[in-house]
Amino acid sequence: MRPTLTRPAADQPPAPLPQRPRLAADVRVHEPAEDGAPWLVQSGERRYLRVTAGMARLLSLTDGTRDPGELARELGAPWTAELVAEGLLRAQRTELLEDAGRPARRDRRVTFVPPLTVQFTLVRPERMLNRFRPLTARLAHRGWAVTAAVLAALGVLSLAVQAPAAWGALAEPVSAPALLALLVVTYCGTMLHEFAHGLVLSHYGGRPSRMGFMFFYLTPAFFCDVSDGWRLPKNRQRVRVALAGIATQTLLAGLAGVGSLVVAATGGSPGLRDFLLLLTVTNYVSGFFNAVPFVKLDGYLALMSHLDISHLRDRSMTDARRLVARLLFGGRYERALPGVEWAPLFGLACMLFPLYVVSMAFTLWGSVLESTGLVGAVVVSVALGYLSLRVYAGARRLGAEARDAGASRVRRAAVSAVGAVAVAGALWGISVPYSVTGGFVAERGRTVFVATGTTDLDAVAAGARVRLLSGGVVLQKELGTATVGSAGPVGLTAPLSALAPVKGLDAVRVPATGIVLDGTGAAPGTTGQAVVDAGERRLGDWLYLKYLAPFWR
């Protein structure tokens, strides 16, 4: 980690210094934790800056009782009043000094973290976690680590041995009690994941500042703020803090996997086995996703700590933008991370991976959200609208990088025009498959396609092919095919299991629109997901029909 005080921008005149500067109330200077460790300046709960020993001494003396000349005399050679003033200006620009014109920063219960995370602080866990230090000290042993690794490996082996059963558990709907239990146990596991971060940080002498609930890319989760880990003197300590949560989840996955194998071997309940298999898969997938370093999760924090480079992701994305700007517009650019050759490629991956995450989320849950009507349409549209704004903001930053690097205005205008024409051409000239998603139910001797009020029924034409799928929690398997009948849509009530991945709730019926299907042969009582092939649409029309038109239906 090598944070430094940001140098004032050349094109922005520095604000005048107070006659006797004072540190802001939420700024603290931390001495090195041990010989060779850095001096750190903490601003608020989550912001840490590494500074030189001389800068740390200057900030420690900035208490509002001395002017720059007096500070220089107190510090001694080689400090001068001019050097002190320069250092204080840098501290002022990074908001370390008290400013009468700026309201004091307060610890907020609700925090927005770009690009798409909202955190709600619930507790300050430092005192609580300190009570667990004796237990953590006992567990911090190589033997326990080996045991946990063996259990995690056995969990993977159990999935391989039970691959058909695991596939079936993922592709079939689950009972409402099982789904509720899965959600409860999964979120308890997530709490343990975050608790583990705090425990390891507390074990090494750090102070976890906040724990709470968050929406991460619209997905509910928990968090534990371990920013104080930057005060730990050794890289490996910070890496262990970052990886503690992943280790906890893989351990839970291993225990669930072994449990499912035991249930199967002893002839136990198939429902319990499937529940444990679902728990195993979800924990392994969650642990793997947390380990990917392209988003601000555990894997990224571990990589940043191992390399000892602060703001690795942001600075890598800056290098990536500058690389793209140089290729498109020309100009001369400085590297944000000149010593890290792979930083531009890493930055490009960090830019693109959130788009991949959102696309995967829509692949898994988009059809379910569509089936929920206006609520699902609002969720999907708001998410895509925000991502579009982020893409637009990124394009503006790209243009600003090119302008600041001295790129030709003519070339910038030409490339921008070509880009706009290419986007318009893609929206107009590219055709993509269009489908309409709903549910189906086989009852009273017929199979009916059922949909909510926001479904594009105008695109459901007689004779269109319909795929009938199982309504699995994660996956779907094809149960058969049908065609849309010639009779028009009629109002009816449909079982909830036709619109959500649950079973056993056929008595719960919701208002819907139904269209009779021909040639299905589905067994009576079968429900699931139905996907109607509605031909092709231009890309622009497809985007409108998917994400804007539901508001007007």
Protein backbone atom coordinates (compact mmCIF):
# COMPACT_ATOMS: atom_id res chain seq x y z
CA MET A 1 0.00 0.00 0.00
CA ARG A 2 1.62 3.27 -1.10
CA PRO A 3 -0.92 6.07 -0.71
CA THR A 4 0.45 9.60 -0.79
CA LEU A 5 -1.11 12.98 -0.35
CA THR A 6 -2.48 14.09 -3.70
CA ARG A 7 -0.55 16.98 -5.23
CA PRO A 8 -2.76 19.98 -6.08
CA ALA A 9 -3.85 20.06 -9.70
CA ALA A 10 -1.88 22.54 -11.79
CA ASP A 11 -5.00 24.12 -13.29
CA GLN A 12 -6.72 24.74 -9.93
CA PRO A 13 -5.40 27.60 -7.77
CA PRO A 14 -4.85 26.45 -4.18
CA ALA A 15 -7.16 27.85 -1.55
CA PRO A 16 -5.43 30.22 0.89
CA LEU A 17 -4.14 28.55 4.03
CA PRO A 18 -5.49 29.63 7.41
CA GLN A 19 -3.00 31.69 9.36
CA ARG A 20 -2.72 28.90 11.95
CA PRO A 21 -3.83 25.64 10.29
CA ARG A 22 -5.41 22.83 12.29
CA LEU A 23 -6.07 19.17 11.43
CA ALA A 24 -9.69 18.24 10.84
CA ALA A 25 -11.43 16.71 13.83
CA ASP A 26 -11.63 13.24 12.23
CA VAL A 27 -7.93 13.07 11.20
CA ARG A 28 -5.44 11.06 13.23
CA VAL A 29 -1.74 10.38 12.73
CA HIS A 30 -0.72 6.79 13.50
CA GLU A 31 2.87 5.95 14.42
CA PRO A 32 4.46 2.87 12.78
CA ALA A 33 3.17 -0.35 14.33
CA GLU A 34 6.73 -1.73 14.40
CA ASP A 35 10.20 -0.97 13.04
CA GLY A 36 10.07 -0.55 9.28
CA ALA A 37 6.31 -0.07 9.17
CA PRO A 38 4.94 3.15 7.62
CA TRP A 39 3.40 6.25 9.16
CA LEU A 40 -0.30 6.46 8.39
CA VAL A 41 -2.81 9.29 8.42
CA GLN A 42 -6.42 8.28 9.01
CA SER A 43 -9.25 10.51 7.76
CA GLY A 44 -12.63 9.35 8.99
CA GLU A 45 -13.25 5.65 9.42
CA ARG A 46 -12.24 4.27 6.04
CA ARG A 47 -9.60 6.52 4.50
CA TYR A 48 -5.90 5.85 5.17
CA LEU A 49 -2.90 7.60 3.63
CA ARG A 50 0.72 6.51 3.95
CA VAL A 51 3.08 9.46 4.50
CA THR A 52 6.72 10.05 5.19
CA ALA A 53 7.96 10.48 8.74
CA GLY A 54 8.58 14.19 8.09
CA MET A 55 5.03 14.74 6.80
CA ALA A 56 3.67 12.85 9.80
CA ARG A 57 5.60 15.13 12.17
CA LEU A 58 4.28 18.20 10.36
CA LEU A 59 0.68 17.02 10.59
CA SER A 60 1.11 16.08 14.26
CA LEU A 61 2.17 19.64 15.05
CA THR A 62 -0.64 21.22 13.01
CA ASP A 63 -2.90 21.96 15.97
CA GLY A 64 -4.01 25.53 15.23
CA THR A 65 -1.45 27.23 17.50
CA ARG A 66 1.39 27.83 14.99
CA ASP A 67 1.77 29.53 11.62
CA PRO A 68 3.99 27.99 8.88
CA GLY A 69 7.06 29.87 10.05
CA GLU A 70 6.66 28.66 13.61
CA LEU A 71 6.03 25.12 12.39
CA ALA A 72 9.26 25.27 10.36
CA ARG A 73 11.25 26.40 13.42
CA GLU A 74 9.68 23.63 15.51
CA LEU A 75 10.53 20.99 12.90
CA GLY A 76 14.07 22.25 12.29
CA ALA A 77 16.26 21.78 9.21
CA PRO A 78 15.69 21.11 6.37
CA TRP A 79 12.18 22.50 6.85
CA THR A 80 11.49 26.07 5.77
CA ALA A 81 8.32 28.12 5.90
CA GLU A 82 7.91 27.54 2.15
CA LEU A 83 8.23 23.75 2.46
CA VAL A 84 5.79 23.75 5.37
CA ALA A 85 3.30 25.79 3.37
CA GLU A 86 3.61 23.39 0.41
CA GLY A 87 3.01 20.38 2.64
CA LEU A 88 0.03 22.04 4.30
CA LEU A 89 -1.46 22.94 0.93
CA ARG A 90 -1.27 19.29 -0.08
CA ALA A 91 -2.92 18.30 3.20
CA GLN A 92 -5.61 20.92 2.63
CA ARG A 93 -6.30 19.65 -0.89
CA THR A 94 -6.76 16.12 0.47
CA GLU A 95 -9.20 17.48 3.10
CA LEU A 96 -6.99 16.76 6.10
CA LEU A 97 -7.16 20.30 7.47
CA GLU A 98 -10.03 21.96 9.26
CA ASP A 99 -12.12 24.09 6.89
CA ALA A 100 -14.70 26.50 8.22
CA GLY A 101 -16.47 26.52 4.87
CA ARG A 102 -16.92 22.76 4.80
CA PRO A 103 -19.22 21.03 7.28
CA ALA A 104 -17.56 18.47 9.49
CA ARG A 105 -17.76 14.93 8.16
CA ARG A 106 -20.04 12.71 10.15
CA ASP A 107 -20.14 8.94 10.23
CA ARG A 108 -23.16 8.11 8.11
CA ARG A 109 -25.38 5.12 8.66
CA VAL A 110 -26.10 4.88 4.92
CA THR A 111 -23.18 4.94 2.49
CA PHE A 112 -23.17 4.72 -1.30
CA VAL A 113 -20.12 3.00 -2.78
CA PRO A 114 -19.82 3.30 -6.59
CA PRO A 115 -20.65 1.75 -8.91
CA LEU A 116 -23.68 -0.04 -7.42
CA THR A 117 -23.44 -0.69 -3.67
CA VAL A 118 -25.44 0.83 -0.81
CA GLN A 119 -24.32 0.05 2.77
CA PHE A 120 -26.42 0.37 5.93
CA THR A 121 -24.32 0.40 9.11
CA LEU A 122 -25.96 -1.56 11.93
CA VAL A 123 -23.28 -2.01 14.63
CA ARG A 124 -19.81 -0.86 15.70
CA PRO A 125 -18.27 -4.28 16.37
CA GLU A 126 -14.84 -3.49 17.86
CA ARG A 127 -15.71 -4.16 21.50
CA MET A 128 -17.74 -7.27 20.68
CA LEU A 129 -15.00 -8.81 18.53
CA ASN A 130 -12.33 -8.14 21.14
CA ARG A 131 -14.09 -10.65 23.39
CA PHE A 132 -13.42 -13.38 20.87
CA ARG A 133 -9.66 -12.80 20.76
CA PRO A 134 -8.81 -15.78 23.01
CA LEU A 135 -10.85 -18.11 20.77
CA THR A 136 -9.28 -16.66 17.61
CA ALA A 137 -5.81 -17.16 19.10
CA ARG A 138 -6.59 -20.86 19.66
CA LEU A 139 -7.89 -21.30 16.11
CA ALA A 140 -4.91 -19.46 14.53
CA HIS A 141 -2.98 -22.71 14.20
CA ARG A 142 -1.72 -24.58 11.14
CA GLY A 143 -3.52 -27.75 12.18
CA TRP A 144 -6.91 -26.03 12.05
CA ALA A 145 -6.03 -24.53 8.66
CA VAL A 146 -5.17 -27.97 7.26
CA THR A 147 -8.41 -29.42 8.66
CA ALA A 148 -10.46 -26.66 7.03
CA ALA A 149 -8.69 -27.16 3.68
CA VAL A 150 -9.36 -30.93 3.79
CA LEU A 151 -13.05 -30.35 4.51
CA ALA A 152 -13.32 -27.85 1.65
CA ALA A 153 -11.71 -30.37 -0.72
CA LEU A 154 -14.05 -33.15 0.48
CA GLY A 155 -17.01 -30.90 -0.28
CA VAL A 156 -15.88 -30.57 -3.91
CA LEU A 157 -15.38 -34.32 -4.10
CA SER A 158 -18.89 -34.91 -2.75
CA LEU A 159 -20.34 -32.72 -5.52
CA ALA A 160 -18.43 -34.70 -8.14
CA VAL A 161 -19.68 -38.00 -6.74
CA GLN A 162 -23.28 -36.72 -6.66
CA ALA A 163 -23.18 -34.72 -9.91
CA PRO A 164 -26.58 -35.91 -11.27
CA ALA A 165 -28.30 -35.25 -7.94
CA ALA A 166 -26.64 -31.82 -7.69
CA TRP A 167 -27.76 -30.91 -11.20
CA GLY A 168 -31.30 -31.96 -10.39
CA ALA A 169 -31.33 -29.91 -7.19
CA LEU A 170 -30.26 -26.81 -9.11
CA ALA A 171 -32.71 -27.33 -11.99
CA GLU A 172 -35.84 -28.25 -10.04
CA PRO A 173 -38.09 -25.92 -8.04
CA VAL A 174 -37.87 -26.25 -4.28
CA SER A 175 -40.52 -26.22 -1.63
CA ALA A 176 -41.28 -22.93 0.07
CA PRO A 177 -39.92 -24.10 3.47
CA ALA A 178 -36.72 -25.34 1.81
CA LEU A 179 -36.28 -22.06 -0.09
CA LEU A 180 -36.82 -20.07 3.09
CA ALA A 181 -34.37 -22.27 4.99
CA LEU A 182 -31.82 -21.92 2.17
CA LEU A 183 -32.09 -18.12 2.28
CA VAL A 184 -31.81 -18.03 6.08
CA VAL A 185 -28.82 -20.40 6.24
CA THR A 186 -27.11 -18.65 3.31
CA TYR A 187 -27.39 -15.26 4.94
CA CYS A 188 -26.25 -16.67 8.28
CA GLY A 189 -23.22 -17.97 6.39
CA THR A 190 -22.67 -14.52 4.90
CA MET A 191 -22.77 -13.06 8.40
CA LEU A 192 -20.12 -15.57 9.51
CA HIS A 193 -18.10 -14.62 6.42
CA GLU A 194 -18.06 -10.96 7.48
CA PHE A 195 -17.59 -11.87 11.13
CA ALA A 196 -14.44 -13.80 10.14
CA HIS A 197 -12.95 -10.67 8.54
CA GLY A 198 -13.48 -8.76 11.76
CA LEU A 199 -12.15 -11.57 13.96
CA VAL A 200 -8.88 -11.88 12.04
CA LEU A 201 -8.40 -8.10 11.97
CA SER A 202 -9.07 -7.91 15.71
CA HIS A 203 -6.65 -10.82 16.26
CA TYR A 204 -3.87 -8.78 14.67
CA GLY A 205 -4.70 -5.69 16.72
CA GLY A 206 -6.85 -3.80 14.19
CA ARG A 207 -10.24 -2.21 14.81
CA PRO A 208 -13.20 -3.24 12.61
CA SER A 209 -15.19 -0.03 12.35
CA ARG A 210 -18.61 -1.02 10.96
CA MET A 211 -20.77 -4.03 10.28
CA GLY A 212 -24.10 -4.00 8.54
CA PHE A 213 -26.33 -4.81 5.61
CA MET A 214 -25.85 -3.79 1.98
CA PHE A 215 -27.23 -4.08 -1.52
CA PHE A 216 -24.32 -5.19 -3.72
CA TYR A 217 -25.29 -4.85 -7.41
CA LEU A 218 -28.93 -5.07 -6.21
CA THR A 219 -28.15 -8.29 -4.29
CA PRO A 220 -28.70 -8.20 -0.49
CA ALA A 221 -25.62 -9.09 1.56
CA PHE A 222 -23.70 -8.18 4.73
CA PHE A 223 -20.42 -6.31 5.14
CA CYS A 224 -17.69 -5.66 7.68
CA ASP A 225 -15.49 -2.60 7.21
CA VAL A 226 -11.88 -3.64 7.80
CA SER A 227 -10.23 -0.50 6.40
CA ASP A 228 -8.21 -0.31 9.62
CA GLY A 229 -6.29 -3.29 8.27
CA TRP A 230 -4.06 -0.82 6.45
CA ARG A 231 -2.46 -0.09 9.82
CA LEU A 232 -1.23 -3.69 10.08
CA PRO A 233 2.53 -3.76 9.54
CA LYS A 234 2.79 -6.93 7.41
CA ASN A 235 1.30 -7.63 4.00
CA ARG A 236 0.50 -11.23 4.88
CA GLN A 237 -1.63 -10.08 7.81
CA ARG A 238 -3.77 -7.92 5.53
CA VAL A 239 -4.03 -10.77 3.02
CA ARG A 240 -5.30 -13.10 5.76
CA VAL A 241 -7.88 -10.52 6.84
CA ALA A 242 -9.11 -10.27 3.23
CA LEU A 243 -9.26 -14.05 2.68
CA ALA A 244 -10.84 -14.94 6.04
CA GLY A 245 -14.36 -14.67 4.66
CA ILE A 246 -13.66 -16.87 1.62
CA ALA A 247 -12.03 -19.46 3.89
CA THR A 248 -15.14 -19.46 6.10
CA GLN A 249 -17.52 -19.94 3.19
CA THR A 250 -15.51 -22.74 1.60
CA LEU A 251 -15.43 -24.45 5.01
CA LEU A 252 -19.22 -24.16 5.26
CA ALA A 253 -19.55 -25.49 1.71
CA GLY A 254 -17.30 -28.44 2.55
CA LEU A 255 -19.33 -29.28 5.68
CA ALA A 256 -22.60 -29.11 3.71
CA GLY A 257 -21.15 -31.25 0.91
CA VAL A 258 -19.91 -33.93 3.29
CA GLY A 259 -23.28 -33.79 5.06
CA SER A 260 -25.14 -34.38 1.78
CA LEU A 261 -22.95 -37.42 1.05
CA VAL A 262 -23.63 -38.83 4.51
CA VAL A 263 -27.40 -38.33 4.06
CA ALA A 264 -27.31 -40.09 0.68
CA ALA A 265 -25.16 -42.97 1.97
CA THR A 266 -27.43 -43.60 4.96
CA GLY A 267 -30.64 -43.48 2.93
CA GLY A 268 -31.79 -40.20 4.46
CA SER A 269 -34.35 -37.76 3.12
CA PRO A 270 -33.79 -36.79 -0.55
CA GLY A 271 -35.16 -33.34 0.28
CA LEU A 272 -32.50 -32.85 2.97
CA ARG A 273 -29.80 -34.09 0.59
CA ASP A 274 -30.92 -31.66 -2.12
CA PHE A 275 -31.01 -28.82 0.41
CA LEU A 276 -27.43 -29.57 1.50
CA LEU A 277 -26.31 -29.80 -2.15
CA LEU A 278 -27.85 -26.40 -2.88
CA LEU A 279 -26.11 -24.99 0.17
CA THR A 280 -22.81 -26.49 -0.97
CA VAL A 281 -23.04 -25.04 -4.47
CA THR A 282 -24.18 -21.59 -3.38
CA ASN A 283 -21.33 -21.28 -0.86
CA TYR A 284 -18.68 -22.45 -3.31
CA VAL A 285 -19.99 -20.10 -6.01
CA SER A 286 -20.11 -17.22 -3.53
CA GLY A 287 -16.56 -17.95 -2.38
CA PHE A 288 -15.31 -18.13 -5.98
CA PHE A 289 -17.04 -14.88 -6.90
CA ASN A 290 -15.53 -13.17 -3.84
CA ALA A 291 -12.08 -14.34 -4.94
CA VAL A 292 -12.30 -12.67 -8.38
CA PRO A 293 -10.08 -9.56 -8.12
CA PHE A 294 -11.91 -7.40 -10.69
CA VAL A 295 -14.50 -6.05 -8.23
CA LYS A 296 -13.95 -4.58 -4.78
CA LEU A 297 -14.37 -7.83 -2.91
CA ASP A 298 -12.09 -10.09 -0.93
CA GLY A 299 -9.93 -11.29 -3.82
CA TYR A 300 -9.19 -7.72 -4.87
CA LEU A 301 -8.35 -6.67 -1.31
CA ALA A 302 -6.04 -9.66 -0.95
CA LEU A 303 -4.25 -8.85 -4.23
CA MET A 304 -3.92 -5.17 -3.33
CA SER A 305 -2.55 -6.09 0.10
CA HIS A 306 -0.11 -8.63 -1.33
CA LEU A 307 1.25 -6.13 -3.86
CA ASP A 308 1.20 -3.32 -1.28
CA ILE A 309 -0.37 -0.92 -3.79
CA SER A 310 -3.28 1.20 -2.61
CA HIS A 311 -6.22 2.01 -4.91
CA LEU A 312 -4.94 -0.64 -7.33
CA ARG A 313 -8.24 -0.95 -9.15
CA ASP A 314 -8.88 2.78 -9.61
CA ARG A 315 -5.34 3.49 -10.74
CA SER A 316 -5.34 0.49 -13.09
CA MET A 317 -8.60 1.68 -14.66
CA THR A 318 -7.00 5.11 -15.11
CA ASP A 319 -4.12 3.45 -16.98
CA ALA A 320 -6.64 1.45 -19.04
CA ARG A 321 -8.55 4.60 -20.02
CA ARG A 322 -5.33 6.31 -20.97
CA LEU A 323 -4.26 3.34 -23.07
CA VAL A 324 -7.59 3.35 -24.93
CA ALA A 325 -7.45 7.14 -25.30
CA ARG A 326 -3.93 6.96 -26.73
CA LEU A 327 -4.96 4.28 -29.25
CA LEU A 328 -8.08 6.20 -30.33
CA PHE A 329 -7.11 9.83 -30.04
CA GLY A 330 -3.32 9.99 -29.70
CA GLY A 331 -1.60 12.28 -27.22
CA ARG A 332 0.93 11.93 -24.39
CA TYR A 333 -0.14 10.22 -21.17
CA GLU A 334 1.44 9.54 -17.79
CA ARG A 335 0.99 6.16 -16.16
CA ALA A 336 -0.82 6.07 -12.81
CA LEU A 337 1.08 2.85 -12.03
CA PRO A 338 4.30 3.13 -14.04
CA GLY A 339 5.93 0.14 -12.33
CA VAL A 340 3.09 -2.30 -13.01
CA GLU A 341 3.19 -3.37 -16.65
CA TRP A 342 -0.06 -5.35 -16.51
CA ALA A 343 -2.05 -2.54 -14.90
CA PRO A 344 -3.86 -1.40 -18.12
CA LEU A 345 -5.07 -4.92 -18.88
CA PHE A 346 -6.14 -5.39 -15.27
CA GLY A 347 -7.97 -2.06 -15.45
CA LEU A 348 -9.82 -3.12 -18.61
CA ALA A 349 -10.93 -6.31 -16.87
CA CYS A 350 -12.13 -4.24 -13.89
CA MET A 351 -14.19 -2.07 -16.25
CA LEU A 352 -15.78 -4.98 -18.11
CA PHE A 353 -16.35 -7.46 -15.31
CA PRO A 354 -19.27 -5.58 -13.67
CA LEU A 355 -21.05 -5.70 -17.04
CA TYR A 356 -20.46 -9.45 -17.11
CA VAL A 357 -21.81 -9.79 -13.56
CA VAL A 358 -24.97 -7.90 -14.43
CA SER A 359 -25.48 -9.90 -17.65
CA MET A 360 -25.10 -13.16 -15.71
CA ALA A 361 -27.56 -11.93 -13.08
CA PHE A 362 -30.08 -11.13 -15.84
CA THR A 363 -29.49 -14.55 -17.41
CA LEU A 364 -30.25 -16.28 -14.10
CA TRP A 365 -32.98 -14.03 -12.74
CA GLY A 366 -34.19 -11.89 -15.64
CA SER A 367 -37.01 -14.23 -16.60
CA VAL A 368 -38.17 -14.46 -12.98
CA LEU A 369 -38.11 -10.66 -12.69
CA GLU A 370 -40.07 -10.34 -15.94
CA SER A 371 -42.69 -12.70 -14.56
CA THR A 372 -43.16 -10.57 -11.44
CA GLY A 373 -44.69 -7.76 -13.46
CA LEU A 374 -44.09 -4.07 -12.93
CA VAL A 375 -41.87 -4.57 -9.87
CA GLY A 376 -39.42 -6.69 -11.85
CA ALA A 377 -39.55 -4.29 -14.79
CA VAL A 378 -38.68 -1.38 -12.49
CA VAL A 379 -35.76 -3.26 -10.90
CA VAL A 380 -34.28 -4.29 -14.26
CA SER A 381 -34.79 -0.89 -15.87
CA VAL A 382 -33.31 1.06 -12.95
CA ALA A 383 -30.26 -1.20 -12.91
CA LEU A 384 -29.69 -0.89 -16.65
CA GLY A 385 -30.34 2.85 -16.56
CA TYR A 386 -27.70 3.30 -13.88
CA LEU A 387 -25.20 1.15 -15.78
CA SER A 388 -25.88 3.23 -18.91
CA LEU A 389 -25.09 6.38 -16.95
CA ARG A 390 -21.85 4.77 -15.77
CA VAL A 391 -20.91 3.94 -19.35
CA TYR A 392 -21.71 7.51 -20.39
CA ALA A 393 -19.61 8.90 -17.53
CA GLY A 394 -16.76 6.60 -18.57
CA ALA A 395 -16.94 7.89 -22.13
CA ARG A 396 -16.78 11.47 -20.85
CA ARG A 397 -13.72 10.64 -18.72
CA LEU A 398 -12.12 9.05 -21.77
CA GLY A 399 -12.65 12.25 -23.74
CA ALA A 400 -11.29 14.33 -20.86
CA GLU A 401 -8.15 12.16 -20.70
CA ALA A 402 -7.59 12.72 -24.43
CA ARG A 403 -8.16 16.48 -24.15
CA ASP A 404 -5.75 16.81 -21.21
CA ALA A 405 -3.14 14.77 -23.10
CA GLY A 406 -3.17 17.24 -25.99
CA ALA A 407 -5.00 15.06 -28.51
CA SER A 408 -6.13 16.85 -31.66
CA ARG A 409 -9.64 18.30 -31.44
CA VAL A 410 -10.31 17.22 -35.03
CA ARG A 411 -9.30 13.63 -34.28
CA ARG A 412 -11.36 13.57 -31.09
CA ALA A 413 -14.40 14.83 -32.96
CA ALA A 414 -13.88 12.36 -35.81
CA VAL A 415 -13.46 9.34 -33.52
CA SER A 416 -16.49 10.39 -31.45
CA ALA A 417 -18.59 10.76 -34.61
CA VAL A 418 -17.49 7.34 -35.87
CA GLY A 419 -18.33 5.84 -32.46
CA ALA A 420 -21.79 7.42 -32.45
CA VAL A 421 -22.47 6.19 -35.99
CA ALA A 422 -21.28 2.68 -35.02
CA VAL A 423 -23.63 2.59 -32.03
CA ALA A 424 -26.55 3.85 -34.10
CA GLY A 425 -25.73 1.33 -36.81
CA ALA A 426 -25.65 -1.50 -34.30
CA LEU A 427 -29.00 -0.48 -32.80
CA TRP A 428 -30.59 -0.29 -36.26
CA GLY A 429 -28.76 -2.95 -38.25
CA ILE A 430 -28.17 -5.84 -35.84
CA SER A 431 -31.04 -8.27 -35.32
CA VAL A 432 -31.22 -10.46 -32.22
CA PRO A 433 -33.58 -13.27 -31.16
CA TYR A 434 -36.57 -12.03 -29.18
CA SER A 435 -38.50 -14.18 -26.75
CA VAL A 436 -41.37 -13.69 -24.33
CA THR A 437 -41.05 -15.33 -20.93
CA GLY A 438 -43.86 -16.43 -18.67
CA GLY A 439 -44.98 -19.53 -16.86
CA PHE A 440 -47.07 -22.54 -17.71
CA VAL A 441 -49.47 -24.80 -15.87
CA ALA A 442 -50.96 -28.12 -16.95
CA GLU A 443 -54.41 -28.55 -15.45
CA ARG A 444 -57.98 -29.45 -16.49
CA GLY A 445 -56.68 -31.41 -19.47
CA ARG A 446 -54.84 -28.51 -21.08
CA THR A 447 -51.54 -26.64 -20.82
CA VAL A 448 -51.75 -22.87 -20.51
CA PHE A 449 -49.10 -20.19 -20.98
CA VAL A 450 -49.60 -17.69 -18.14
CA ALA A 451 -48.22 -14.17 -17.90
CA THR A 452 -48.51 -11.03 -15.83
CA GLY A 453 -49.67 -7.64 -16.97
CA THR A 454 -46.30 -6.42 -18.27
CA THR A 455 -45.65 -9.39 -20.57
CA ASP A 456 -45.49 -8.57 -24.29
CA LEU A 457 -48.53 -10.62 -25.32
CA ASP A 458 -48.68 -8.83 -28.70
CA ALA A 459 -45.54 -10.78 -29.68
CA VAL A 460 -47.11 -14.16 -28.76
CA ALA A 461 -48.40 -15.26 -32.15
CA ALA A 462 -50.44 -18.37 -32.91
CA GLY A 463 -48.22 -21.25 -33.98
CA ALA A 464 -45.08 -19.87 -32.28
CA ARG A 465 -42.78 -22.45 -30.67
CA VAL A 466 -42.77 -22.56 -26.87
CA ARG A 467 -40.09 -24.20 -24.71
CA LEU A 468 -41.36 -25.59 -21.40
CA LEU A 469 -38.70 -25.50 -18.69
CA SER A 470 -38.44 -26.56 -15.09
CA GLY A 471 -38.55 -23.57 -12.77
CA GLY A 472 -35.24 -24.26 -10.99
CA VAL A 473 -33.69 -21.91 -8.46
CA VAL A 474 -30.52 -21.56 -10.56
CA LEU A 475 -30.83 -23.73 -13.67
CA GLN A 476 -33.67 -24.88 -15.91
CA LYS A 477 -34.00 -28.11 -17.83
CA GLU A 478 -36.25 -28.54 -20.84
CA LEU A 479 -39.41 -30.51 -20.12
CA GLY A 480 -40.87 -30.36 -23.63
CA THR A 481 -42.07 -28.09 -26.39
CA ALA A 482 -45.45 -26.77 -27.53
CA THR A 483 -46.98 -24.25 -29.89
CA VAL A 484 -49.21 -21.28 -29.18
CA GLY A 485 -52.84 -22.14 -29.83
CA SER A 486 -55.18 -20.10 -31.97
CA ALA A 487 -57.44 -19.01 -29.10
CA GLY A 488 -56.80 -15.52 -27.76
CA PRO A 489 -55.71 -14.58 -24.25
CA VAL A 490 -58.14 -14.86 -21.39
CA GLY A 491 -58.06 -13.74 -17.78
CA LEU A 492 -57.52 -16.40 -15.12
CA THR A 493 -55.72 -17.16 -11.88
CA ALA A 494 -52.46 -19.17 -11.91
CA PRO A 495 -50.63 -21.03 -9.14
CA LEU A 496 -47.65 -19.14 -7.74
CA SER A 497 -45.36 -22.05 -8.72
CA ALA A 498 -45.93 -21.15 -12.40
CA LEU A 499 -44.28 -17.76 -11.86
CA ALA A 500 -41.68 -18.46 -9.14
CA PRO A 501 -39.18 -21.33 -8.52
CA VAL A 502 -41.19 -22.86 -5.66
CA LYS A 503 -43.41 -25.87 -5.38
CA GLY A 504 -46.12 -26.90 -2.97
CA LEU A 505 -47.95 -23.57 -3.18
CA ASP A 506 -50.54 -24.49 -5.80
CA ALA A 507 -53.27 -23.23 -3.47
CA VAL A 508 -51.80 -19.73 -3.73
CA ARG A 509 -53.11 -18.30 -6.99
CA VAL A 510 -52.40 -14.92 -8.56
CA PRO A 511 -54.23 -12.99 -11.32
CA ALA A 512 -52.72 -13.63 -14.75
CA THR A 513 -53.44 -13.81 -18.47
CA GLY A 514 -53.54 -17.24 -20.10
CA ILE A 515 -53.12 -18.60 -23.64
CA VAL A 516 -53.81 -22.26 -24.36
CA LEU A 517 -50.88 -24.22 -25.85
CA ASP A 518 -51.13 -27.10 -28.33
CA GLY A 519 -49.23 -30.38 -28.41
CA THR A 520 -47.52 -30.36 -25.02
CA GLY A 521 -48.38 -33.65 -23.36
CA ALA A 522 -47.34 -32.19 -19.99
CA ALA A 523 -48.36 -34.23 -16.96
CA PRO A 524 -51.32 -32.80 -14.99
CA GLY A 525 -50.20 -30.49 -12.23
CA THR A 526 -46.87 -29.65 -13.91
CA THR A 527 -45.77 -26.01 -13.65
CA GLY A 528 -42.65 -24.18 -14.71
CA GLN A 529 -41.25 -21.56 -17.02
CA ALA A 530 -42.39 -21.04 -20.61
CA VAL A 531 -40.33 -19.21 -23.25
CA VAL A 532 -42.11 -18.21 -26.47
CA ASP A 533 -40.00 -17.79 -29.63
CA ALA A 534 -41.11 -14.41 -31.01
CA GLY A 535 -38.72 -14.18 -33.96
CA GLU A 536 -36.09 -11.45 -34.25
CA ARG A 537 -36.02 -7.74 -33.52
CA ARG A 538 -33.58 -4.97 -34.26
CA LEU A 539 -31.28 -4.40 -31.30
CA GLY A 540 -32.79 -0.98 -30.58
CA ASP A 541 -36.33 -2.41 -30.67
CA TRP A 542 -35.23 -5.35 -28.50
CA LEU A 543 -33.86 -3.01 -25.80
CA TYR A 544 -37.03 -0.93 -25.88
CA LEU A 545 -39.34 -3.94 -25.68
CA LYS A 546 -37.36 -5.55 -22.86
CA TYR A 547 -36.65 -2.61 -20.59
CA LEU A 548 -38.88 0.37 -21.43
CA ALA A 549 -42.13 -0.96 -22.89
CA PRO A 550 -43.08 -2.90 -19.67
CA PHE A 551 -43.77 0.47 -18.01
CA TRP A 552 -46.48 1.24 -20.59
CA ARG A 553 -48.20 -2.14 -20.82
